[in-house]
Amino acid sequence: MRDMSPLRWVWAALAVWGAVHPMYWFVAWFRTEGWSLPRMIDAWYVNTATTGLTWDLTIAAITLTVWVLAEVAVRRNWIALLAIPATFCIGVSCGLPLYLFLRAKPIR
């Protein structure tokens, strides 16, 4: 823990926030609307604003995935692959800072 830079602490805090905060809203939605993933996906396309945001986040998630895969192929930092399921199961708000946290690990 002592070898963690201040920036690495920031990445870790943002990853936790990016996991907890969106999940709070997702769980609240599921509790109100019922535990149906297809209904939630339909809600993502309820109007043009949410459709635009959905596509924005989808493109960002795909871009992050390509970046993670490309860098893992070179760096062999296999643990960084955890950012991919975090991105698609939670969101870019968790996956991106998680990847930056894992990428910023000191090289020995």
PDB file of N, CA and C in Angstrom:
ATOM      1  N   MET A   1       0.809  -1.192   0.000  1.00  0.00           N
ATOM      2  CA  MET A   1       0.000   0.000   0.000  1.00  0.00           C
ATOM      3  C   MET A   1       0.856   1.262   0.000  1.00  0.00           C
ATOM      4  N   ARG A   2       2.056   1.169   0.569  1.00  0.00           N
ATOM      5  CA  ARG A   2       2.899   2.355   0.645  1.00  0.00           C
ATOM      6  C   ARG A   2       3.427   2.778  -0.709  1.00  0.00           C
ATOM      7  N   ASP A   3       3.439   1.859  -1.666  1.00  0.00           N
ATOM      8  CA  ASP A   3       3.961   2.220  -2.980  1.00  0.00           C
ATOM      9  C   ASP A   3       2.881   2.781  -3.911  1.00  0.00           C
ATOM     10  N   MET A   4       1.703   3.063  -3.360  1.00  0.00           N
ATOM     11  CA  MET A   4       0.634   3.637  -4.178  1.00  0.00           C
ATOM     12  C   MET A   4       0.807   5.147  -4.274  1.00  0.00           C
ATOM     13  N   SER A   5       0.859   5.631  -5.497  1.00  0.00           N
ATOM     14  CA  SER A   5       0.970   7.065  -5.722  1.00  0.00           C
ATOM     15  C   SER A   5      -0.372   7.739  -5.419  1.00  0.00           C
ATOM     16  N   PRO A   6      -0.350   9.054  -5.193  1.00  0.00           N
ATOM     17  CA  PRO A   6      -1.615   9.765  -4.981  1.00  0.00           C
ATOM     18  C   PRO A   6      -2.582   9.600  -6.155  1.00  0.00           C
ATOM     19  N   LEU A   7      -2.053   9.590  -7.376  1.00  0.00           N
ATOM     20  CA  LEU A   7      -2.928   9.422  -8.542  1.00  0.00           C
ATOM     21  C   LEU A   7      -3.559   8.034  -8.559  1.00  0.00           C
ATOM     22  N   ARG A   8      -2.823   7.038  -8.132  1.00  0.00           N
ATOM     23  CA  ARG A   8      -3.384   5.685  -8.085  1.00  0.00           C
ATOM     24  C   ARG A   8      -4.525   5.622  -7.068  1.00  0.00           C
ATOM     25  N   TRP A   9      -4.380   6.345  -5.944  1.00  0.00           N
ATOM     26  CA  TRP A   9      -5.470   6.431  -4.977  1.00  0.00           C
ATOM     27  C   TRP A   9      -6.706   7.088  -5.600  1.00  0.00           C
ATOM     28  N   VAL A  10      -6.480   8.104  -6.427  1.00  0.00           N
ATOM     29  CA  VAL A  10      -7.594   8.770  -7.114  1.00  0.00           C
ATOM     30  C   VAL A  10      -8.304   7.775  -8.023  1.00  0.00           C
ATOM     31  N   TRP A  11      -7.532   6.997  -8.802  1.00  0.00           N
ATOM     32  CA  TRP A  11      -8.149   5.996  -9.696  1.00  0.00           C
ATOM     33  C   TRP A  11      -8.967   4.990  -8.893  1.00  0.00           C
ATOM     34  N   ALA A  12      -8.424   4.544  -7.765  1.00  0.00           N
ATOM     35  CA  ALA A  12      -9.140   3.576  -6.930  1.00  0.00           C
ATOM     36  C   ALA A  12     -10.447   4.171  -6.393  1.00  0.00           C
ATOM     37  N   ALA A  13     -10.379   5.402  -5.908  1.00  0.00           N
ATOM     38  CA  ALA A  13     -11.585   6.056  -5.372  1.00  0.00           C
ATOM     39  C   ALA A  13     -12.638   6.249  -6.461  1.00  0.00           C
ATOM     40  N   LEU A  14     -12.195   6.658  -7.654  1.00  0.00           N
ATOM     41  CA  LEU A  14     -13.145   6.843  -8.761  1.00  0.00           C
ATOM     42  C   LEU A  14     -13.756   5.518  -9.204  1.00  0.00           C
ATOM     43  N   ALA A  15     -12.979   4.436  -9.172  1.00  0.00           N
ATOM     44  CA  ALA A  15     -13.518   3.119  -9.534  1.00  0.00           C
ATOM     45  C   ALA A  15     -14.601   2.686  -8.548  1.00  0.00           C
ATOM     46  N   VAL A  16     -14.344   2.909  -7.262  1.00  0.00           N
ATOM     47  CA  VAL A  16     -15.346   2.560  -6.243  1.00  0.00           C
ATOM     48  C   VAL A  16     -16.591   3.422  -6.414  1.00  0.00           C
ATOM     49  N   TRP A  17     -16.392   4.730  -6.571  1.00  0.00           N
ATOM     50  CA  TRP A  17     -17.535   5.627  -6.783  1.00  0.00           C
ATOM     51  C   TRP A  17     -18.283   5.231  -8.050  1.00  0.00           C
ATOM     52  N   GLY A  18     -17.538   4.919  -9.111  1.00  0.00           N
ATOM     53  CA  GLY A  18     -18.150   4.529 -10.384  1.00  0.00           C
ATOM     54  C   GLY A  18     -18.875   3.205 -10.324  1.00  0.00           C
ATOM     55  N   ALA A  19     -18.594   2.403  -9.309  1.00  0.00           N
ATOM     56  CA  ALA A  19     -19.330   1.149  -9.110  1.00  0.00           C
ATOM     57  C   ALA A  19     -20.551   1.369  -8.224  1.00  0.00           C
ATOM     58  N   VAL A  20     -20.355   2.083  -7.122  1.00  0.00           N
ATOM     59  CA  VAL A  20     -21.416   2.225  -6.124  1.00  0.00           C
ATOM     60  C   VAL A  20     -22.524   3.170  -6.582  1.00  0.00           C
ATOM     61  N   HIS A  21     -22.165   4.330  -7.073  1.00  0.00           N
ATOM     62  CA  HIS A  21     -23.169   5.344  -7.407  1.00  0.00           C
ATOM     63  C   HIS A  21     -24.138   4.875  -8.508  1.00  0.00           C
ATOM     64  N   PRO A  22     -23.647   4.395  -9.651  1.00  0.00           N
ATOM     65  CA  PRO A  22     -24.605   3.911 -10.660  1.00  0.00           C
ATOM     66  C   PRO A  22     -25.432   2.720 -10.165  1.00  0.00           C
ATOM     67  N   MET A  23     -24.804   1.823  -9.394  1.00  0.00           N
ATOM     68  CA  MET A  23     -25.539   0.655  -8.916  1.00  0.00           C
ATOM     69  C   MET A  23     -26.680   1.057  -7.987  1.00  0.00           C
ATOM     70  N   TYR A  24     -26.479   2.117  -7.211  1.00  0.00           N
ATOM     71  CA  TYR A  24     -27.553   2.614  -6.356  1.00  0.00           C
ATOM     72  C   TYR A  24     -28.791   2.917  -7.207  1.00  0.00           C
ATOM     73  N   TRP A  25     -28.574   3.614  -8.328  1.00  0.00           N
ATOM     74  CA  TRP A  25     -29.688   4.000  -9.196  1.00  0.00           C
ATOM     75  C   TRP A  25     -30.260   2.808  -9.940  1.00  0.00           C
ATOM     76  N   PHE A  26     -29.400   1.877 -10.357  1.00  0.00           N
ATOM     77  CA  PHE A  26     -29.894   0.674 -11.042  1.00  0.00           C
ATOM     78  C   PHE A  26     -30.765  -0.156 -10.106  1.00  0.00           C
ATOM     79  N   VAL A  27     -30.303  -0.362  -8.885  1.00  0.00           N
ATOM     80  CA  VAL A  27     -31.074  -1.153  -7.921  1.00  0.00           C
ATOM     81  C   VAL A  27     -32.377  -0.439  -7.582  1.00  0.00           C
ATOM     82  N   ALA A  28     -32.336   0.887  -7.427  1.00  0.00           N
ATOM     83  CA  ALA A  28     -33.570   1.639  -7.156  1.00  0.00           C
ATOM     84  C   ALA A  28     -34.558   1.463  -8.305  1.00  0.00           C
ATOM     85  N   TRP A  29     -34.062   1.499  -9.535  1.00  0.00           N
ATOM     86  CA  TRP A  29     -34.942   1.317 -10.690  1.00  0.00           C
ATOM     87  C   TRP A  29     -35.551  -0.085 -10.677  1.00  0.00           C
ATOM     88  N   PHE A  30     -34.706  -1.089 -10.453  1.00  0.00           N
ATOM     89  CA  PHE A  30     -35.212  -2.468 -10.424  1.00  0.00           C
ATOM     90  C   PHE A  30     -36.237  -2.667  -9.316  1.00  0.00           C
ATOM     91  N   ARG A  31     -36.017  -2.066  -8.166  1.00  0.00           N
ATOM     92  CA  ARG A  31     -36.967  -2.216  -7.060  1.00  0.00           C
ATOM     93  C   ARG A  31     -38.310  -1.570  -7.397  1.00  0.00           C
ATOM     94  N   THR A  32     -38.272  -0.482  -8.151  1.00  0.00           N
ATOM     95  CA  THR A  32     -39.506   0.224  -8.515  1.00  0.00           C
ATOM     96  C   THR A  32     -40.201  -0.446  -9.695  1.00  0.00           C
ATOM     97  N   GLU A  33     -39.440  -0.802 -10.705  1.00  0.00           N
ATOM     98  CA  GLU A  33     -39.998  -1.279 -11.973  1.00  0.00           C
ATOM     99  C   GLU A  33     -40.046  -2.792 -12.114  1.00  0.00           C
ATOM    100  N   GLY A  34     -39.400  -3.512 -11.223  1.00  0.00           N
ATOM    101  CA  GLY A  34     -39.319  -4.966 -11.321  1.00  0.00           C
ATOM    102  C   GLY A  34     -37.957  -5.389 -11.863  1.00  0.00           C
ATOM    103  N   TRP A  35     -37.573  -6.584 -11.500  1.00  0.00           N
ATOM    104  CA  TRP A  35     -36.235  -7.097 -11.826  1.00  0.00           C
ATOM    105  C   TRP A  35     -36.218  -7.691 -13.226  1.00  0.00           C
ATOM    106  N   SER A  36     -36.331  -6.812 -14.215  1.00  0.00           N
ATOM    107  CA  SER A  36     -36.364  -7.234 -15.614  1.00  0.00           C
ATOM    108  C   SER A  36     -35.304  -6.466 -16.406  1.00  0.00           C
ATOM    109  N   LEU A  37     -34.269  -7.178 -16.826  1.00  0.00           N
ATOM    110  CA  LEU A  37     -33.228  -6.548 -17.628  1.00  0.00           C
ATOM    111  C   LEU A  37     -33.775  -6.064 -18.978  1.00  0.00           C
ATOM    112  N   PRO A  38     -34.624  -6.844 -19.667  1.00  0.00           N
ATOM    113  CA  PRO A  38     -35.187  -6.316 -20.925  1.00  0.00           C
ATOM    114  C   PRO A  38     -35.964  -5.015 -20.744  1.00  0.00           C
ATOM    115  N   ARG A  39     -36.687  -4.875 -19.631  1.00  0.00           N
ATOM    116  CA  ARG A  39     -37.410  -3.614 -19.373  1.00  0.00           C
ATOM    117  C   ARG A  39     -36.438  -2.470 -19.133  1.00  0.00           C
ATOM    118  N   MET A  40     -35.311  -2.744 -18.471  1.00  0.00           N
ATOM    119  CA  MET A  40     -34.326  -1.690 -18.247  1.00  0.00           C
ATOM    120  C   MET A  40     -33.711  -1.268 -19.579  1.00  0.00           C
ATOM    121  N   ILE A  41     -33.388  -2.229 -20.416  1.00  0.00           N
ATOM    122  CA  ILE A  41     -32.818  -1.898 -21.724  1.00  0.00           C
ATOM    123  C   ILE A  41     -33.813  -1.080 -22.538  1.00  0.00           C
ATOM    124  N   ASP A  42     -35.087  -1.422 -22.474  1.00  0.00           N
ATOM    125  CA  ASP A  42     -36.106  -0.606 -23.149  1.00  0.00           C
ATOM    126  C   ASP A  42     -36.100   0.830 -22.615  1.00  0.00           C
ATOM    127  N   ALA A  43     -35.884   0.994 -21.314  1.00  0.00           N
ATOM    128  CA  ALA A  43     -35.856   2.334 -20.712  1.00  0.00           C
ATOM    129  C   ALA A  43     -34.671   3.156 -21.227  1.00  0.00           C
ATOM    130  N   TRP A  44     -33.600   2.492 -21.625  1.00  0.00           N
ATOM    131  CA  TRP A  44     -32.438   3.203 -22.159  1.00  0.00           C
ATOM    132  C   TRP A  44     -32.754   3.883 -23.480  1.00  0.00           C
ATOM    133  N   TYR A  45     -33.813   3.451 -24.145  1.00  0.00           N
ATOM    134  CA  TYR A  45     -34.182   3.990 -25.454  1.00  0.00           C
ATOM    135  C   TYR A  45     -35.530   4.695 -25.434  1.00  0.00           C
ATOM    136  N   VAL A  46     -35.937   5.181 -24.261  1.00  0.00           N
ATOM    137  CA  VAL A  46     -37.262   5.772 -24.102  1.00  0.00           C
ATOM    138  C   VAL A  46     -37.412   7.100 -24.848  1.00  0.00           C
ATOM    139  N   ASN A  47     -36.321   7.844 -25.045  1.00  0.00           N
ATOM    140  CA  ASN A  47     -36.391   9.080 -25.820  1.00  0.00           C
ATOM    141  C   ASN A  47     -35.035   9.325 -26.475  1.00  0.00           C
ATOM    142  N   THR A  48     -34.947  10.372 -27.265  1.00  0.00           N
ATOM    143  CA  THR A  48     -33.711  10.614 -28.006  1.00  0.00           C
ATOM    144  C   THR A  48     -32.540  10.957 -27.089  1.00  0.00           C
ATOM    145  N   ALA A  49     -32.801  11.601 -25.967  1.00  0.00           N
ATOM    146  CA  ALA A  49     -31.719  11.946 -25.036  1.00  0.00           C
ATOM    147  C   ALA A  49     -31.108  10.686 -24.424  1.00  0.00           C
ATOM    148  N   THR A  50     -31.947   9.776 -23.949  1.00  0.00           N
ATOM    149  CA  THR A  50     -31.414   8.552 -23.357  1.00  0.00           C
ATOM    150  C   THR A  50     -30.797   7.645 -24.414  1.00  0.00           C
ATOM    151  N   THR A  51     -31.358   7.653 -25.618  1.00  0.00           N
ATOM    152  CA  THR A  51     -30.766   6.866 -26.701  1.00  0.00           C
ATOM    153  C   THR A  51     -29.370   7.388 -27.033  1.00  0.00           C
ATOM    154  N   GLY A  52     -29.215   8.690 -27.109  1.00  0.00           N
ATOM    155  CA  GLY A  52     -27.895   9.281 -27.376  1.00  0.00           C
ATOM    156  C   GLY A  52     -26.905   8.943 -26.279  1.00  0.00           C
ATOM    157  N   LEU A  53     -27.332   9.030 -25.021  1.00  0.00           N
ATOM    158  CA  LEU A  53     -26.462   8.696 -23.900  1.00  0.00           C
ATOM    159  C   LEU A  53     -26.097   7.209 -23.911  1.00  0.00           C
ATOM    160  N   THR A  54     -27.068   6.359 -24.239  1.00  0.00           N
ATOM    161  CA  THR A  54     -26.803   4.924 -24.323  1.00  0.00           C
ATOM    162  C   THR A  54     -25.745   4.637 -25.370  1.00  0.00           C
ATOM    163  N   TRP A  55     -25.881   5.249 -26.554  1.00  0.00           N
ATOM    164  CA  TRP A  55     -24.881   5.027 -27.608  1.00  0.00           C
ATOM    165  C   TRP A  55     -23.533   5.621 -27.235  1.00  0.00           C
ATOM    166  N   ASP A  56     -23.523   6.772 -26.586  1.00  0.00           N
ATOM    167  CA  ASP A  56     -22.276   7.384 -26.133  1.00  0.00           C
ATOM    168  C   ASP A  56     -21.522   6.431 -25.207  1.00  0.00           C
ATOM    169  N   LEU A  57     -22.223   5.870 -24.237  1.00  0.00           N
ATOM    170  CA  LEU A  57     -21.594   4.955 -23.284  1.00  0.00           C
ATOM    171  C   LEU A  57     -21.219   3.629 -23.927  1.00  0.00           C
ATOM    172  N   THR A  58     -22.023   3.165 -24.870  1.00  0.00           N
ATOM    173  CA  THR A  58     -21.697   1.917 -25.573  1.00  0.00           C
ATOM    174  C   THR A  58     -20.411   2.064 -26.379  1.00  0.00           C
ATOM    175  N   ILE A  59     -20.294   3.168 -27.101  1.00  0.00           N
ATOM    176  CA  ILE A  59     -19.083   3.413 -27.892  1.00  0.00           C
ATOM    177  C   ILE A  59     -17.881   3.579 -26.971  1.00  0.00           C
ATOM    178  N   ALA A  60     -18.045   4.266 -25.852  1.00  0.00           N
ATOM    179  CA  ALA A  60     -16.951   4.424 -24.889  1.00  0.00           C
ATOM    180  C   ALA A  60     -16.541   3.067 -24.310  1.00  0.00           C
ATOM    181  N   ALA A  61     -17.507   2.212 -24.012  1.00  0.00           N
ATOM    182  CA  ALA A  61     -17.210   0.886 -23.459  1.00  0.00           C
ATOM    183  C   ALA A  61     -16.457   0.025 -24.475  1.00  0.00           C
ATOM    184  N   ILE A  62     -16.869   0.071 -25.723  1.00  0.00           N
ATOM    185  CA  ILE A  62     -16.178  -0.696 -26.769  1.00  0.00           C
ATOM    186  C   ILE A  62     -14.763  -0.162 -26.964  1.00  0.00           C
ATOM    187  N   THR A  63     -14.610   1.156 -26.964  1.00  0.00           N
ATOM    188  CA  THR A  63     -13.284   1.769 -27.110  1.00  0.00           C
ATOM    189  C   THR A  63     -12.380   1.366 -25.956  1.00  0.00           C
ATOM    190  N   LEU A  64     -12.888   1.419 -24.736  1.00  0.00           N
ATOM    191  CA  LEU A  64     -12.109   1.018 -23.577  1.00  0.00           C
ATOM    192  C   LEU A  64     -11.706  -0.451 -23.676  1.00  0.00           C
ATOM    193  N   THR A  65     -12.605  -1.296 -24.132  1.00  0.00           N
ATOM    194  CA  THR A  65     -12.312  -2.717 -24.279  1.00  0.00           C
ATOM    195  C   THR A  65     -11.181  -2.951 -25.279  1.00  0.00           C
ATOM    196  N   VAL A  66     -11.244  -2.271 -26.418  1.00  0.00           N
ATOM    197  CA  VAL A  66     -10.176  -2.401 -27.419  1.00  0.00           C
ATOM    198  C   VAL A  66      -8.847  -1.935 -26.831  1.00  0.00           C
ATOM    199  N   TRP A  67      -8.864  -0.822 -26.103  1.00  0.00           N
ATOM    200  CA  TRP A  67      -7.652  -0.297 -25.480  1.00  0.00           C
ATOM    201  C   TRP A  67      -7.076  -1.290 -24.469  1.00  0.00           C
ATOM    202  N   VAL A  68      -7.942  -1.834 -23.609  1.00  0.00           N
ATOM    203  CA  VAL A  68      -7.492  -2.801 -22.604  1.00  0.00           C
ATOM    204  C   VAL A  68      -6.868  -4.011 -23.291  1.00  0.00           C
ATOM    205  N   LEU A  69      -7.557  -4.560 -24.286  1.00  0.00           N
ATOM    206  CA  LEU A  69      -7.032  -5.738 -24.983  1.00  0.00           C
ATOM    207  C   LEU A  69      -5.707  -5.452 -25.671  1.00  0.00           C
ATOM    208  N   ALA A  70      -5.594  -4.292 -26.307  1.00  0.00           N
ATOM    209  CA  ALA A  70      -4.354  -3.930 -27.001  1.00  0.00           C
ATOM    210  C   ALA A  70      -3.203  -3.781 -26.014  1.00  0.00           C
ATOM    211  N   GLU A  71      -3.457  -3.139 -24.894  1.00  0.00           N
ATOM    212  CA  GLU A  71      -2.381  -2.945 -23.921  1.00  0.00           C
ATOM    213  C   GLU A  71      -2.033  -4.226 -23.173  1.00  0.00           C
ATOM    214  N   VAL A  72      -3.018  -5.057 -22.890  1.00  0.00           N
ATOM    215  CA  VAL A  72      -2.734  -6.326 -22.222  1.00  0.00           C
ATOM    216  C   VAL A  72      -1.887  -7.218 -23.131  1.00  0.00           C
ATOM    217  N   ALA A  73      -2.158  -7.165 -24.433  1.00  0.00           N
ATOM    218  CA  ALA A  73      -1.365  -7.961 -25.372  1.00  0.00           C
ATOM    219  C   ALA A  73       0.108  -7.557 -25.338  1.00  0.00           C
ATOM    220  N   VAL A  74       0.393  -6.288 -25.103  1.00  0.00           N
ATOM    221  CA  VAL A  74       1.778  -5.797 -25.071  1.00  0.00           C
ATOM    222  C   VAL A  74       2.376  -5.916 -23.675  1.00  0.00           C
ATOM    223  N   ARG A  75       1.650  -5.459 -22.670  1.00  0.00           N
ATOM    224  CA  ARG A  75       2.179  -5.378 -21.303  1.00  0.00           C
ATOM    225  C   ARG A  75       2.087  -6.690 -20.534  1.00  0.00           C
ATOM    226  N   ARG A  76       1.222  -7.587 -20.961  1.00  0.00           N
ATOM    227  CA  ARG A  76       0.983  -8.852 -20.260  1.00  0.00           C
ATOM    228  C   ARG A  76       0.514  -8.629 -18.823  1.00  0.00           C
ATOM    229  N   ASN A  77      -0.250  -7.558 -18.618  1.00  0.00           N
ATOM    230  CA  ASN A  77      -0.815  -7.227 -17.317  1.00  0.00           C
ATOM    231  C   ASN A  77      -2.218  -7.838 -17.268  1.00  0.00           C
ATOM    232  N   TRP A  78      -2.272  -9.153 -17.066  1.00  0.00           N
ATOM    233  CA  TRP A  78      -3.517  -9.910 -17.205  1.00  0.00           C
ATOM    234  C   TRP A  78      -4.606  -9.445 -16.251  1.00  0.00           C
ATOM    235  N   ILE A  79      -4.246  -8.976 -15.079  1.00  0.00           N
ATOM    236  CA  ILE A  79      -5.242  -8.532 -14.097  1.00  0.00           C
ATOM    237  C   ILE A  79      -6.052  -7.353 -14.641  1.00  0.00           C
ATOM    238  N   ALA A  80      -5.466  -6.596 -15.575  1.00  0.00           N
ATOM    239  CA  ALA A  80      -6.170  -5.452 -16.161  1.00  0.00           C
ATOM    240  C   ALA A  80      -7.403  -5.876 -16.948  1.00  0.00           C
ATOM    241  N   LEU A  81      -7.482  -7.149 -17.313  1.00  0.00           N
ATOM    242  CA  LEU A  81      -8.671  -7.647 -18.017  1.00  0.00           C
ATOM    243  C   LEU A  81      -9.936  -7.544 -17.158  1.00  0.00           C
ATOM    244  N   LEU A  82      -9.778  -7.407 -15.853  1.00  0.00           N
ATOM    245  CA  LEU A  82     -10.942  -7.236 -14.969  1.00  0.00           C
ATOM    246  C   LEU A  82     -11.739  -5.980 -15.312  1.00  0.00           C
ATOM    247  N   ALA A  83     -11.099  -5.031 -15.966  1.00  0.00           N
ATOM    248  CA  ALA A  83     -11.802  -3.800 -16.341  1.00  0.00           C
ATOM    249  C   ALA A  83     -12.896  -4.062 -17.373  1.00  0.00           C
ATOM    250  N   ILE A  84     -12.761  -5.123 -18.165  1.00  0.00           N
ATOM    251  CA  ILE A  84     -13.765  -5.393 -19.204  1.00  0.00           C
ATOM    252  C   ILE A  84     -15.098  -5.825 -18.597  1.00  0.00           C
ATOM    253  N   PRO A  85     -15.142  -6.855 -17.736  1.00  0.00           N
ATOM    254  CA  PRO A  85     -16.446  -7.173 -17.136  1.00  0.00           C
ATOM    255  C   PRO A  85     -16.975  -6.041 -16.243  1.00  0.00           C
ATOM    256  N   ALA A  86     -16.061  -5.310 -15.592  1.00  0.00           N
ATOM    257  CA  ALA A  86     -16.520  -4.165 -14.782  1.00  0.00           C
ATOM    258  C   ALA A  86     -17.211  -3.140 -15.669  1.00  0.00           C
ATOM    259  N   THR A  87     -16.678  -2.931 -16.867  1.00  0.00           N
ATOM    260  CA  THR A  87     -17.259  -1.964 -17.795  1.00  0.00           C
ATOM    261  C   THR A  87     -18.639  -2.396 -18.263  1.00  0.00           C
ATOM    262  N   PHE A  88     -18.792  -3.665 -18.635  1.00  0.00           N
ATOM    263  CA  PHE A  88     -20.066  -4.107 -19.200  1.00  0.00           C
ATOM    264  C   PHE A  88     -21.087  -4.533 -18.151  1.00  0.00           C
ATOM    265  N   CYS A  89     -20.645  -4.873 -16.942  1.00  0.00           N
ATOM    266  CA  CYS A  89     -21.595  -5.246 -15.886  1.00  0.00           C
ATOM    267  C   CYS A  89     -21.976  -4.063 -14.998  1.00  0.00           C
ATOM    268  N   ILE A  90     -21.089  -3.078 -14.886  1.00  0.00           N
ATOM    269  CA  ILE A  90     -21.371  -1.910 -14.056  1.00  0.00           C
ATOM    270  C   ILE A  90     -21.451  -0.664 -14.920  1.00  0.00           C
ATOM    271  N   GLY A  91     -20.372  -0.364 -15.633  1.00  0.00           N
ATOM    272  CA  GLY A  91     -20.382   0.794 -16.517  1.00  0.00           C
ATOM    273  C   GLY A  91     -18.979   1.338 -16.733  1.00  0.00           C
ATOM    274  N   VAL A  92     -18.874   2.235 -17.691  1.00  0.00           N
ATOM    275  CA  VAL A  92     -17.607   2.882 -17.992  1.00  0.00           C
ATOM    276  C   VAL A  92     -17.118   3.670 -16.777  1.00  0.00           C
ATOM    277  N   SER A  93     -18.040   4.171 -15.976  1.00  0.00           N
ATOM    278  CA  SER A  93     -17.668   4.948 -14.789  1.00  0.00           C
ATOM    279  C   SER A  93     -16.885   4.120 -13.780  1.00  0.00           C
ATOM    280  N   CYS A  94     -16.994   2.819 -13.830  1.00  0.00           N
ATOM    281  CA  CYS A  94     -16.197   1.926 -12.984  1.00  0.00           C
ATOM    282  C   CYS A  94     -15.036   1.338 -13.780  1.00  0.00           C
ATOM    283  N   GLY A  95     -15.307   0.879 -14.999  1.00  0.00           N
ATOM    284  CA  GLY A  95     -14.293   0.186 -15.789  1.00  0.00           C
ATOM    285  C   GLY A  95     -13.091   1.032 -16.146  1.00  0.00           C
ATOM    286  N   LEU A  96     -13.294   2.284 -16.519  1.00  0.00           N
ATOM    287  CA  LEU A  96     -12.170   3.138 -16.905  1.00  0.00           C
ATOM    288  C   LEU A  96     -11.259   3.450 -15.721  1.00  0.00           C
ATOM    289  N   PRO A  97     -11.773   3.962 -14.601  1.00  0.00           N
ATOM    290  CA  PRO A  97     -10.845   4.205 -13.494  1.00  0.00           C
ATOM    291  C   PRO A  97     -10.234   2.922 -12.931  1.00  0.00           C
ATOM    292  N   LEU A  98     -10.972   1.800 -12.978  1.00  0.00           N
ATOM    293  CA  LEU A  98     -10.398   0.529 -12.540  1.00  0.00           C
ATOM    294  C   LEU A  98      -9.219   0.160 -13.427  1.00  0.00           C
ATOM    295  N   TYR A  99      -9.382   0.307 -14.735  1.00  0.00           N
ATOM    296  CA  TYR A  99      -8.285   0.003 -15.644  1.00  0.00           C
ATOM    297  C   TYR A  99      -7.086   0.911 -15.376  1.00  0.00           C
ATOM    298  N   LEU A 100      -7.334   2.194 -15.191  1.00  0.00           N
ATOM    299  CA  LEU A 100      -6.235   3.127 -14.917  1.00  0.00           C
ATOM    300  C   LEU A 100      -5.535   2.784 -13.605  1.00  0.00           C
ATOM    301  N   PHE A 101      -6.308   2.357 -12.598  1.00  0.00           N
ATOM    302  CA  PHE A 101      -5.724   1.911 -11.343  1.00  0.00           C
ATOM    303  C   PHE A 101      -4.832   0.691 -11.559  1.00  0.00           C
ATOM    304  N   LEU A 102      -5.334  -0.294 -12.280  1.00  0.00           N
ATOM    305  CA  LEU A 102      -4.559  -1.516 -12.521  1.00  0.00           C
ATOM    306  C   LEU A 102      -3.354  -1.254 -13.415  1.00  0.00           C
ATOM    307  N   ARG A 103      -3.496  -0.351 -14.342  1.00  0.00           N
ATOM    308  CA  ARG A 103      -2.405  -0.001 -15.263  1.00  0.00           C
ATOM    309  C   ARG A 103      -1.304   0.782 -14.556  1.00  0.00           C
ATOM    310  N   ALA A 104      -1.663   1.529 -13.541  1.00  0.00           N
ATOM    311  CA  ALA A 104      -0.703   2.387 -12.845  1.00  0.00           C
ATOM    312  C   ALA A 104       0.098   1.629 -11.784  1.00  0.00           C
ATOM    313  N   LYS A 105      -0.082   0.323 -11.715  1.00  0.00           N
ATOM    314  CA  LYS A 105       0.671  -0.476 -10.745  1.00  0.00           C
ATOM    315  C   LYS A 105       2.165  -0.337 -11.015  1.00  0.00           C
ATOM    316  N   PRO A 106       2.951  -0.118  -9.957  1.00  0.00           N
ATOM    317  CA  PRO A 106       4.394   0.017 -10.158  1.00  0.00           C
ATOM    318  C   PRO A 106       4.985  -1.238 -10.809  1.00  0.00           C
ATOM    319  N   ILE A 107       5.886  -1.036 -11.723  1.00  0.00           N
ATOM    320  CA  ILE A 107       6.564  -2.147 -12.404  1.00  0.00           C
ATOM    321  C   ILE A 107       7.781  -2.537 -11.576  1.00  0.00           C
ATOM    322  N   ARG A 108       7.915  -3.810 -11.329  1.00  0.00           N
ATOM    323  CA  ARG A 108       9.059  -4.301 -10.518  1.00  0.00           C
ATOM    324  C   ARG A 108      10.020  -5.057 -11.398  1.00  0.00           C
TER     325      ARG A 108
END
